[in-house]
Amino acid sequence: HYFIQSNLSIQCHMANKLRVLCLHGYRQSDKSFREKTGGLRKTLKSVAEFEFIRAPHAVHGEEDSLSWFYSNPATHNILSYDCQDPSTEDPGFDETIQFLMKYLKENGPYDGILAFSQGACLASMLCDMKRREPALNSVSFVMLFCGFRSRITKHDRYYTQPFDNVRSLHVFGETDDVIPLEMSEKLVSSFVDPVVMKHPGGHFVPSSAPVRNFCKSFMLEQLKLKDS
C-alpha cells in the first residue's frame, strides 16, 4: 500500500514540472551537452525535466560531433558551418526541421526549449515556425545560451516579425570569442520583453551561482504561469 502511494506521489510531482527539450551546439552531441549543463540542471531539477536530442548531421572527421545544419556547400564532399558566414546555402536545414517536427509530434508536448550556440540559433527560428507549426504550440518559453541570429540569407525570413509568442531568457558571455557580443545582442532585440543576463565568461553554459539562480527564477515564473 505504501509503495503505491509513493509511486502516485512521484507521478504528481513529475506532473508539476516543466518539460524542456535541449538542443546542443555545433560540434557537440546530446551526451556532451548533458554533461556541460550538469551544474545548471542540478539547480533546476525541482522545476523541470530536461530531455536531450541529437542533431541529425555529423561533422566530418570528428567522433560524436554533430550539426543541426551547415553554412557551406560541400567541398570535396565535406560540409561545415561558420556562424559568422553570410552564406546563401543551408545544407541539412530542411531535413533537421522535418526531423524535429516528427520528434515533437511523437514525444511532445514540451513547455520550453533550452539551447546553446547553433542550437540556440535554431531555437530562435523555431519561434517563428511556432506561428504555423502545431507541433510547437505547447512551447511557451526559450532559454538561449550564447545565442545568435542566423546569418544565412535564406533564414532572414524567420526574423521579419518580433517574437511576441514566447517568453525568452538570454545568457551570454562578454568575452565570448566564438559568438561576438553584438551577435547575441542582435538576437535579443528580436524578442519582445526578453530577460537577459551577461556574464564575464566566454562560450559556454555557466554554472556560477548567480546564473543558476537567475535561470531558476525565470523557470519558476514559467511554472507559475503554466499552473495559473
C-alpha atoms as a PDB file:
ATOM      1  CA  HIS A   1       0.000   0.000   0.000  1.00  0.00           C
ATOM      2  CA  TYR A   2       2.808   2.398   0.912  1.00  0.00           C
ATOM      3  CA  PHE A   3       4.625   1.586  -2.355  1.00  0.00           C
ATOM      4  CA  ILE A   4       1.562   2.519  -4.441  1.00  0.00           C
ATOM      5  CA  GLN A   5       1.163   5.821  -2.580  1.00  0.00           C
ATOM      6  CA  SER A   6       4.835   6.568  -3.123  1.00  0.00           C
ATOM      7  CA  ASN A   7       4.554   5.988  -6.888  1.00  0.00           C
ATOM      8  CA  LEU A   8       1.476   8.206  -7.109  1.00  0.00           C
ATOM      9  CA  SER A   9       3.310  10.911  -5.205  1.00  0.00           C
ATOM     10  CA  ILE A  10       6.228  10.737  -7.646  1.00  0.00           C
ATOM     11  CA  GLN A  11       3.865  10.939 -10.632  1.00  0.00           C
ATOM     12  CA  CYS A  12       2.110  14.001  -9.204  1.00  0.00           C
ATOM     13  CA  HIS A  13       5.466  15.649  -8.537  1.00  0.00           C
ATOM     14  CA  MET A  14       6.583  14.957 -12.117  1.00  0.00           C
ATOM     15  CA  ALA A  15       3.329  16.383 -13.476  1.00  0.00           C
ATOM     16  CA  ASN A  16       4.130  19.689 -11.758  1.00  0.00           C
ATOM     17  CA  LYS A  17       7.473  20.026 -13.531  1.00  0.00           C
ATOM     18  CA  LEU A  18       8.191  21.713 -16.834  1.00  0.00           C
ATOM     19  CA  ARG A  19       9.253  19.553 -19.784  1.00  0.00           C
ATOM     20  CA  VAL A  20      12.209  21.108 -21.561  1.00  0.00           C
ATOM     21  CA  LEU A  21      13.792  19.983 -24.831  1.00  0.00           C
ATOM     22  CA  CYS A  22      17.538  20.674 -25.051  1.00  0.00           C
ATOM     23  CA  LEU A  23      19.366  21.493 -28.295  1.00  0.00           C
ATOM     24  CA  HIS A  24      23.161  21.238 -28.248  1.00  0.00           C
ATOM     25  CA  GLY A  25      25.650  23.376 -30.138  1.00  0.00           C
ATOM     26  CA  TYR A  26      27.695  22.757 -33.273  1.00  0.00           C
ATOM     27  CA  ARG A  27      30.316  20.002 -32.822  1.00  0.00           C
ATOM     28  CA  GLN A  28      28.529  18.789 -29.688  1.00  0.00           C
ATOM     29  CA  SER A  29      26.104  15.928 -29.039  1.00  0.00           C
ATOM     30  CA  ASP A  30      23.223  15.220 -26.699  1.00  0.00           C
ATOM     31  CA  LYS A  31      25.638  13.428 -24.367  1.00  0.00           C
ATOM     32  CA  SER A  32      28.271  16.186 -24.250  1.00  0.00           C
ATOM     33  CA  PHE A  33      25.624  18.888 -23.785  1.00  0.00           C
ATOM     34  CA  ARG A  34      24.074  16.952 -20.920  1.00  0.00           C
ATOM     35  CA  GLU A  35      27.488  16.853 -19.249  1.00  0.00           C
ATOM     36  CA  LYS A  36      28.126  20.564 -19.821  1.00  0.00           C
ATOM     37  CA  THR A  37      24.796  21.538 -18.236  1.00  0.00           C
ATOM     38  CA  GLY A  38      25.162  19.353 -15.147  1.00  0.00           C
ATOM     39  CA  GLY A  39      25.539  22.220 -12.677  1.00  0.00           C
ATOM     40  CA  LEU A  40      22.598  24.126 -14.086  1.00  0.00           C
ATOM     41  CA  ARG A  41      20.340  21.061 -14.218  1.00  0.00           C
ATOM     42  CA  LYS A  42      21.106  20.208 -10.605  1.00  0.00           C
ATOM     43  CA  THR A  43      19.771  23.611  -9.546  1.00  0.00           C
ATOM     44  CA  LEU A  44      16.693  23.271 -11.758  1.00  0.00           C
ATOM     45  CA  LYS A  45      15.822  19.619 -11.089  1.00  0.00           C
ATOM     46  CA  SER A  46      12.925  20.525  -8.777  1.00  0.00           C
ATOM     47  CA  VAL A  47      11.403  22.711 -11.505  1.00  0.00           C
ATOM     48  CA  ALA A  48      11.989  20.874 -14.794  1.00  0.00           C
ATOM     49  CA  GLU A  49      12.754  17.637 -16.560  1.00  0.00           C
ATOM     50  CA  PHE A  50      15.310  18.024 -19.354  1.00  0.00           C
ATOM     51  CA  GLU A  51      15.400  15.861 -22.475  1.00  0.00           C
ATOM     52  CA  PHE A  52      18.389  15.979 -24.804  1.00  0.00           C
ATOM     53  CA  ILE A  53      18.148  15.317 -28.518  1.00  0.00           C
ATOM     54  CA  ARG A  54      20.881  14.601 -31.082  1.00  0.00           C
ATOM     55  CA  ALA A  55      21.271  16.667 -34.248  1.00  0.00           C
ATOM     56  CA  PRO A  56      20.870  14.510 -37.370  1.00  0.00           C
ATOM     57  CA  HIS A  57      24.068  15.561 -39.186  1.00  0.00           C
ATOM     58  CA  ALA A  58      27.664  14.547 -38.497  1.00  0.00           C
ATOM     59  CA  VAL A  59      30.693  16.836 -38.527  1.00  0.00           C
ATOM     60  CA  HIS A  60      33.284  15.351 -40.870  1.00  0.00           C
ATOM     61  CA  GLY A  61      36.168  13.530 -39.217  1.00  0.00           C
ATOM     62  CA  GLU A  62      35.041  14.060 -35.619  1.00  0.00           C
ATOM     63  CA  GLU A  63      33.565  11.382 -33.381  1.00  0.00           C
ATOM     64  CA  ASP A  64      30.182  12.146 -31.804  1.00  0.00           C
ATOM     65  CA  SER A  65      30.351  15.671 -33.223  1.00  0.00           C
ATOM     66  CA  LEU A  66      27.098  16.863 -34.753  1.00  0.00           C
ATOM     67  CA  SER A  67      25.458  19.761 -36.552  1.00  0.00           C
ATOM     68  CA  TRP A  68      21.871  20.940 -36.976  1.00  0.00           C
ATOM     69  CA  PHE A  69      22.715  22.381 -40.394  1.00  0.00           C
ATOM     70  CA  TYR A  70      25.657  23.670 -42.402  1.00  0.00           C
ATOM     71  CA  SER A  71      26.505  27.021 -43.976  1.00  0.00           C
ATOM     72  CA  ASN A  72      28.751  25.879 -46.809  1.00  0.00           C
ATOM     73  CA  PRO A  73      28.069  23.758 -49.895  1.00  0.00           C
ATOM     74  CA  ALA A  74      30.093  20.554 -49.905  1.00  0.00           C
ATOM     75  CA  THR A  75      33.723  20.900 -50.948  1.00  0.00           C
ATOM     76  CA  HIS A  76      35.319  17.507 -51.629  1.00  0.00           C
ATOM     77  CA  ASN A  77      32.146  16.015 -50.072  1.00  0.00           C
ATOM     78  CA  ILE A  78      32.807  17.881 -46.786  1.00  0.00           C
ATOM     79  CA  LEU A  79      30.188  20.170 -45.248  1.00  0.00           C
ATOM     80  CA  SER A  80      30.940  22.672 -42.481  1.00  0.00           C
ATOM     81  CA  TYR A  81      29.363  25.505 -40.515  1.00  0.00           C
ATOM     82  CA  ASP A  82      30.560  29.025 -39.721  1.00  0.00           C
ATOM     83  CA  CYS A  83      28.204  31.110 -37.581  1.00  0.00           C
ATOM     84  CA  GLN A  84      29.604  34.355 -38.991  1.00  0.00           C
ATOM     85  CA  ASP A  85      29.356  33.325 -42.635  1.00  0.00           C
ATOM     86  CA  PRO A  86      26.593  35.206 -44.539  1.00  0.00           C
ATOM     87  CA  SER A  87      26.055  32.151 -46.717  1.00  0.00           C
ATOM     88  CA  THR A  88      23.241  31.730 -49.214  1.00  0.00           C
ATOM     89  CA  GLU A  89      23.038  27.975 -48.574  1.00  0.00           C
ATOM     90  CA  ASP A  90      21.913  25.915 -45.567  1.00  0.00           C
ATOM     91  CA  PRO A  91      22.567  22.241 -46.353  1.00  0.00           C
ATOM     92  CA  GLY A  92      20.753  19.915 -43.947  1.00  0.00           C
ATOM     93  CA  PHE A  93      18.403  22.565 -42.552  1.00  0.00           C
ATOM     94  CA  ASP A  94      15.189  21.268 -44.121  1.00  0.00           C
ATOM     95  CA  GLU A  95      15.993  17.713 -43.014  1.00  0.00           C
ATOM     96  CA  THR A  96      16.568  18.943 -39.454  1.00  0.00           C
ATOM     97  CA  ILE A  97      13.215  20.745 -39.346  1.00  0.00           C
ATOM     98  CA  GLN A  98      11.418  17.628 -40.624  1.00  0.00           C
ATOM     99  CA  PHE A  99      13.264  15.541 -38.039  1.00  0.00           C
ATOM    100  CA  LEU A 100      12.378  17.948 -35.200  1.00  0.00           C
ATOM    101  CA  MET A 101       8.707  18.249 -36.125  1.00  0.00           C
ATOM    102  CA  LYS A 102       8.393  14.457 -36.218  1.00  0.00           C
ATOM    103  CA  TYR A 103      10.188  14.188 -32.868  1.00  0.00           C
ATOM    104  CA  LEU A 104       7.947  16.832 -31.273  1.00  0.00           C
ATOM    105  CA  LYS A 105       4.768  15.145 -32.533  1.00  0.00           C
ATOM    106  CA  GLU A 106       5.884  11.747 -31.232  1.00  0.00           C
ATOM    107  CA  ASN A 107       7.443  12.829 -27.922  1.00  0.00           C
ATOM    108  CA  GLY A 108       5.826  16.155 -27.009  1.00  0.00           C
ATOM    109  CA  PRO A 109       4.336  18.264 -25.707  1.00  0.00           C
ATOM    110  CA  TYR A 110       7.220  20.345 -24.349  1.00  0.00           C
ATOM    111  CA  ASP A 111       6.819  23.510 -22.315  1.00  0.00           C
ATOM    112  CA  GLY A 112      10.102  25.056 -23.368  1.00  0.00           C
ATOM    113  CA  ILE A 113      13.416  24.776 -25.175  1.00  0.00           C
ATOM    114  CA  LEU A 114      16.888  25.190 -23.674  1.00  0.00           C
ATOM    115  CA  ALA A 115      19.564  25.627 -26.320  1.00  0.00           C
ATOM    116  CA  PHE A 116      23.213  26.555 -26.791  1.00  0.00           C
ATOM    117  CA  SER A 117      25.019  28.324 -29.656  1.00  0.00           C
ATOM    118  CA  GLN A 118      23.931  26.799 -33.002  1.00  0.00           C
ATOM    119  CA  GLY A 119      21.102  25.079 -31.133  1.00  0.00           C
ATOM    120  CA  ALA A 120      20.016  28.488 -29.774  1.00  0.00           C
ATOM    121  CA  CYS A 121      20.144  29.912 -33.291  1.00  0.00           C
ATOM    122  CA  LEU A 122      17.890  27.071 -34.425  1.00  0.00           C
ATOM    123  CA  ALA A 123      15.565  27.590 -31.443  1.00  0.00           C
ATOM    124  CA  SER A 124      15.120  31.250 -32.387  1.00  0.00           C
ATOM    125  CA  MET A 125      13.902  30.224 -35.848  1.00  0.00           C
ATOM    126  CA  LEU A 126      11.553  27.687 -34.251  1.00  0.00           C
ATOM    127  CA  CYS A 127       9.926  30.665 -32.502  1.00  0.00           C
ATOM    128  CA  ASP A 128       8.854  31.935 -35.911  1.00  0.00           C
ATOM    129  CA  MET A 129       7.787  28.461 -37.064  1.00  0.00           C
ATOM    130  CA  LYS A 130       5.622  28.190 -33.939  1.00  0.00           C
ATOM    131  CA  ARG A 131       3.209  30.573 -35.687  1.00  0.00           C
ATOM    132  CA  ARG A 132       2.500  27.874 -38.274  1.00  0.00           C
ATOM    133  CA  GLU A 133       3.543  24.510 -36.791  1.00  0.00           C
ATOM    134  CA  PRO A 134       1.036  22.800 -34.450  1.00  0.00           C
ATOM    135  CA  ALA A 135       3.866  20.632 -33.043  1.00  0.00           C
ATOM    136  CA  LEU A 136       5.304  23.778 -31.409  1.00  0.00           C
ATOM    137  CA  ASN A 137       2.017  25.010 -29.909  1.00  0.00           C
ATOM    138  CA  SER A 138       2.919  23.969 -26.363  1.00  0.00           C
ATOM    139  CA  VAL A 139       6.320  25.717 -26.332  1.00  0.00           C
ATOM    140  CA  SER A 140       5.851  28.871 -24.263  1.00  0.00           C
ATOM    141  CA  PHE A 141       9.459  29.807 -23.460  1.00  0.00           C
ATOM    142  CA  VAL A 142      13.044  29.507 -24.661  1.00  0.00           C
ATOM    143  CA  MET A 143      16.324  29.673 -22.724  1.00  0.00           C
ATOM    144  CA  LEU A 144      19.112  30.644 -25.108  1.00  0.00           C
ATOM    145  CA  PHE A 145      22.780  30.432 -24.145  1.00  0.00           C
ATOM    146  CA  CYS A 146      25.322  32.099 -26.465  1.00  0.00           C
ATOM    147  CA  GLY A 147      22.543  32.556 -28.990  1.00  0.00           C
ATOM    148  CA  PHE A 148      22.662  34.472 -32.252  1.00  0.00           C
ATOM    149  CA  ARG A 149      20.565  35.225 -35.319  1.00  0.00           C
ATOM    150  CA  SER A 150      21.400  33.057 -38.284  1.00  0.00           C
ATOM    151  CA  ARG A 151      23.418  34.946 -40.880  1.00  0.00           C
ATOM    152  CA  ILE A 152      22.423  32.585 -43.665  1.00  0.00           C
ATOM    153  CA  THR A 153      20.468  34.812 -46.035  1.00  0.00           C
ATOM    154  CA  LYS A 154      17.760  32.169 -46.598  1.00  0.00           C
ATOM    155  CA  HIS A 155      16.944  32.466 -42.889  1.00  0.00           C
ATOM    156  CA  ASP A 156      16.196  36.195 -42.935  1.00  0.00           C
ATOM    157  CA  ARG A 157      12.517  35.318 -43.360  1.00  0.00           C
ATOM    158  CA  TYR A 158      12.411  33.877 -39.847  1.00  0.00           C
ATOM    159  CA  TYR A 159      13.243  37.261 -38.299  1.00  0.00           C
ATOM    160  CA  THR A 160      10.816  39.598 -40.059  1.00  0.00           C
ATOM    161  CA  GLN A 161       8.480  39.895 -37.033  1.00  0.00           C
ATOM    162  CA  PRO A 162       9.383  40.336 -33.345  1.00  0.00           C
ATOM    163  CA  PHE A 163       8.892  37.149 -31.349  1.00  0.00           C
ATOM    164  CA  ASP A 164       5.934  38.020 -29.139  1.00  0.00           C
ATOM    165  CA  ASN A 165       4.678  34.431 -28.906  1.00  0.00           C
ATOM    166  CA  VAL A 166       7.243  33.081 -26.410  1.00  0.00           C
ATOM    167  CA  ARG A 167       8.943  34.273 -23.245  1.00  0.00           C
ATOM    168  CA  SER A 168      12.715  34.308 -23.565  1.00  0.00           C
ATOM    169  CA  LEU A 169      15.785  34.163 -21.358  1.00  0.00           C
ATOM    170  CA  HIS A 170      19.179  35.004 -22.859  1.00  0.00           C
ATOM    171  CA  VAL A 171      22.555  34.279 -21.228  1.00  0.00           C
ATOM    172  CA  PHE A 172      25.829  35.113 -22.968  1.00  0.00           C
ATOM    173  CA  GLY A 173      29.425  35.967 -22.139  1.00  0.00           C
ATOM    174  CA  GLU A 174      31.108  39.322 -22.584  1.00  0.00           C
ATOM    175  CA  THR A 175      34.338  37.598 -23.608  1.00  0.00           C
ATOM    176  CA  ASP A 176      32.821  35.013 -25.989  1.00  0.00           C
ATOM    177  CA  ASP A 177      35.384  34.558 -28.776  1.00  0.00           C
ATOM    178  CA  VAL A 178      33.051  32.385 -30.903  1.00  0.00           C
ATOM    179  CA  ILE A 179      29.871  34.456 -30.925  1.00  0.00           C
ATOM    180  CA  PRO A 180      30.662  38.191 -30.768  1.00  0.00           C
ATOM    181  CA  LEU A 181      28.641  40.142 -28.214  1.00  0.00           C
ATOM    182  CA  GLU A 182      26.837  42.138 -30.900  1.00  0.00           C
ATOM    183  CA  MET A 183      25.524  38.916 -32.494  1.00  0.00           C
ATOM    184  CA  SER A 184      23.906  37.801 -29.234  1.00  0.00           C
ATOM    185  CA  GLU A 185      22.534  41.287 -28.604  1.00  0.00           C
ATOM    186  CA  LYS A 186      21.024  41.369 -32.086  1.00  0.00           C
ATOM    187  CA  LEU A 187      19.158  38.137 -31.313  1.00  0.00           C
ATOM    188  CA  VAL A 188      17.882  39.605 -28.038  1.00  0.00           C
ATOM    189  CA  SER A 189      16.410  42.534 -29.992  1.00  0.00           C
ATOM    190  CA  SER A 190      14.273  40.045 -31.966  1.00  0.00           C
ATOM    191  CA  PHE A 191      12.244  39.168 -28.849  1.00  0.00           C
ATOM    192  CA  VAL A 192       9.552  41.137 -27.039  1.00  0.00           C
ATOM    193  CA  ASP A 193      10.351  41.692 -23.331  1.00  0.00           C
ATOM    194  CA  PRO A 194      13.457  39.458 -23.230  1.00  0.00           C
ATOM    195  CA  VAL A 195      15.105  38.556 -19.921  1.00  0.00           C
ATOM    196  CA  VAL A 196      18.864  38.979 -20.260  1.00  0.00           C
ATOM    197  CA  MET A 197      21.953  38.128 -18.213  1.00  0.00           C
ATOM    198  CA  LYS A 198      25.504  38.813 -19.340  1.00  0.00           C
ATOM    199  CA  HIS A 199      28.389  37.151 -17.555  1.00  0.00           C
ATOM    200  CA  PRO A 200      32.139  37.862 -17.720  1.00  0.00           C
ATOM    201  CA  GLY A 201      32.971  34.473 -19.272  1.00  0.00           C
ATOM    202  CA  GLY A 202      33.146  33.070 -22.774  1.00  0.00           C
ATOM    203  CA  HIS A 203      31.434  30.488 -24.976  1.00  0.00           C
ATOM    204  CA  PHE A 204      29.848  28.066 -22.511  1.00  0.00           C
ATOM    205  CA  VAL A 205      26.848  27.450 -20.269  1.00  0.00           C
ATOM    206  CA  PRO A 206      27.996  28.988 -16.980  1.00  0.00           C
ATOM    207  CA  SER A 207      27.450  27.120 -13.737  1.00  0.00           C
ATOM    208  CA  SER A 208      28.073  30.023 -11.343  1.00  0.00           C
ATOM    209  CA  ALA A 209      25.518  30.535  -8.591  1.00  0.00           C
ATOM    210  CA  PRO A 210      24.263  33.910  -9.917  1.00  0.00           C
ATOM    211  CA  VAL A 211      23.496  32.417 -13.349  1.00  0.00           C
ATOM    212  CA  ARG A 212      21.927  29.262 -11.909  1.00  0.00           C
ATOM    213  CA  ASN A 213      19.703  31.270  -9.566  1.00  0.00           C
ATOM    214  CA  PHE A 214      18.777  33.674 -12.368  1.00  0.00           C
ATOM    215  CA  CYS A 215      17.685  30.736 -14.518  1.00  0.00           C
ATOM    216  CA  LYS A 216      15.778  29.140 -11.647  1.00  0.00           C
ATOM    217  CA  SER A 217      13.883  32.362 -11.008  1.00  0.00           C
ATOM    218  CA  PHE A 218      12.890  32.505 -14.694  1.00  0.00           C
ATOM    219  CA  MET A 219      11.775  28.873 -14.723  1.00  0.00           C
ATOM    220  CA  LEU A 220       9.779  29.198 -11.509  1.00  0.00           C
ATOM    221  CA  GLU A 221       7.897  32.024 -13.198  1.00  0.00           C
ATOM    222  CA  GLN A 222       7.213  29.784 -16.212  1.00  0.00           C
ATOM    223  CA  LEU A 223       5.929  27.031 -13.925  1.00  0.00           C
ATOM    224  CA  LYS A 224       3.694  29.535 -12.120  1.00  0.00           C
ATOM    225  CA  LEU A 225       2.283  30.747 -15.450  1.00  0.00           C
ATOM    226  CA  LYS A 226       1.689  27.162 -16.590  1.00  0.00           C
ATOM    227  CA  ASP A 227      -0.203  26.311 -13.397  1.00  0.00           C
ATOM    228  CA  SER A 228      -2.269  29.502 -13.394  1.00  0.00           C
END
